[in-house]
């Protein structure tokens, strides 16, 4: 069974650059403390690494 990642936005994207804001939107995060789940793929891991200062991640 494929692993799932639980991603929560913990910091605001107000002072972030536009590229990071678009990455958060692509992950499905729109507001603070919102949580989404995604399959553990290299693409999702790469997106998380670009906004790692704004999100928390845990494996399910």
Protein backbone atom coordinates (compact mmCIF):
# COMPACT_ATOMS: atom_id res chain seq x y z
CA UNK A 1 0.00 0.00 0.00
CA UNK A 2 1.30 3.46 -0.91
CA UNK A 3 2.20 5.80 1.91
CA UNK A 4 0.14 8.92 2.46
CA UNK A 5 1.45 12.29 3.62
CA UNK A 6 -0.52 14.59 5.89
CA UNK A 7 0.44 18.21 5.18
CA UNK A 8 -0.65 21.12 7.38
CA UNK A 9 -0.02 24.81 6.74
CA UNK A 10 1.36 26.29 9.97
CA UNK A 11 2.61 29.71 8.83
CA UNK A 12 1.05 32.42 6.73
CA UNK A 13 2.04 32.89 3.11
CA UNK A 14 1.55 36.68 3.23
CA UNK A 15 5.26 37.56 3.07
CA UNK A 16 6.18 34.68 0.75
CA UNK A 17 7.16 35.07 -2.86
CA UNK A 18 4.57 34.33 -5.55
CA UNK A 19 6.16 31.00 -6.50
CA UNK A 20 5.74 29.70 -2.94
CA UNK A 21 2.12 30.88 -2.81
CA UNK A 22 1.39 28.98 -6.03
CA UNK A 23 3.06 25.87 -4.61
CA UNK A 24 0.80 26.01 -1.55
CA UNK A 25 -2.23 26.36 -3.82
CA UNK A 26 -1.08 23.40 -5.90
CA UNK A 27 -0.85 21.33 -2.72
CA UNK A 28 -4.43 22.34 -1.93
CA UNK A 29 -3.62 24.60 1.02
CA UNK A 30 -5.54 27.86 1.13
CA UNK A 31 -5.64 28.92 4.77
CA UNK A 32 -3.79 28.49 8.04
CA UNK A 33 -4.10 25.17 9.90
CA UNK A 34 -5.72 23.50 6.90
CA UNK A 35 -4.68 19.87 6.43
CA UNK A 36 -4.57 17.87 3.21
CA UNK A 37 -3.41 14.34 2.39
CA UNK A 38 -1.47 13.28 -0.69
CA UNK A 39 0.23 10.14 -1.93
CA UNK A 40 3.94 10.00 -1.16
CA UNK A 41 5.47 10.76 -4.57
CA UNK A 42 8.72 12.48 -5.53
CA UNK A 43 6.73 15.38 -7.02
CA UNK A 44 4.84 16.03 -3.78
CA UNK A 45 8.05 15.70 -1.73
CA UNK A 46 9.69 18.30 -3.99
CA UNK A 47 6.80 20.71 -3.54
CA UNK A 48 6.95 20.26 0.23
CA UNK A 49 10.70 20.94 0.24
CA UNK A 50 10.12 24.30 -1.47
CA UNK A 51 7.69 25.47 1.26
CA UNK A 52 9.04 23.48 4.22
CA UNK A 53 9.19 26.64 6.36
CA UNK A 54 5.42 27.13 5.92
CA UNK A 55 4.14 23.58 6.42
CA UNK A 56 4.41 20.55 8.69
CA UNK A 57 4.35 17.05 7.27
CA UNK A 58 3.74 13.65 8.82
CA UNK A 59 3.49 10.21 7.29
CA UNK A 60 0.37 8.11 7.73
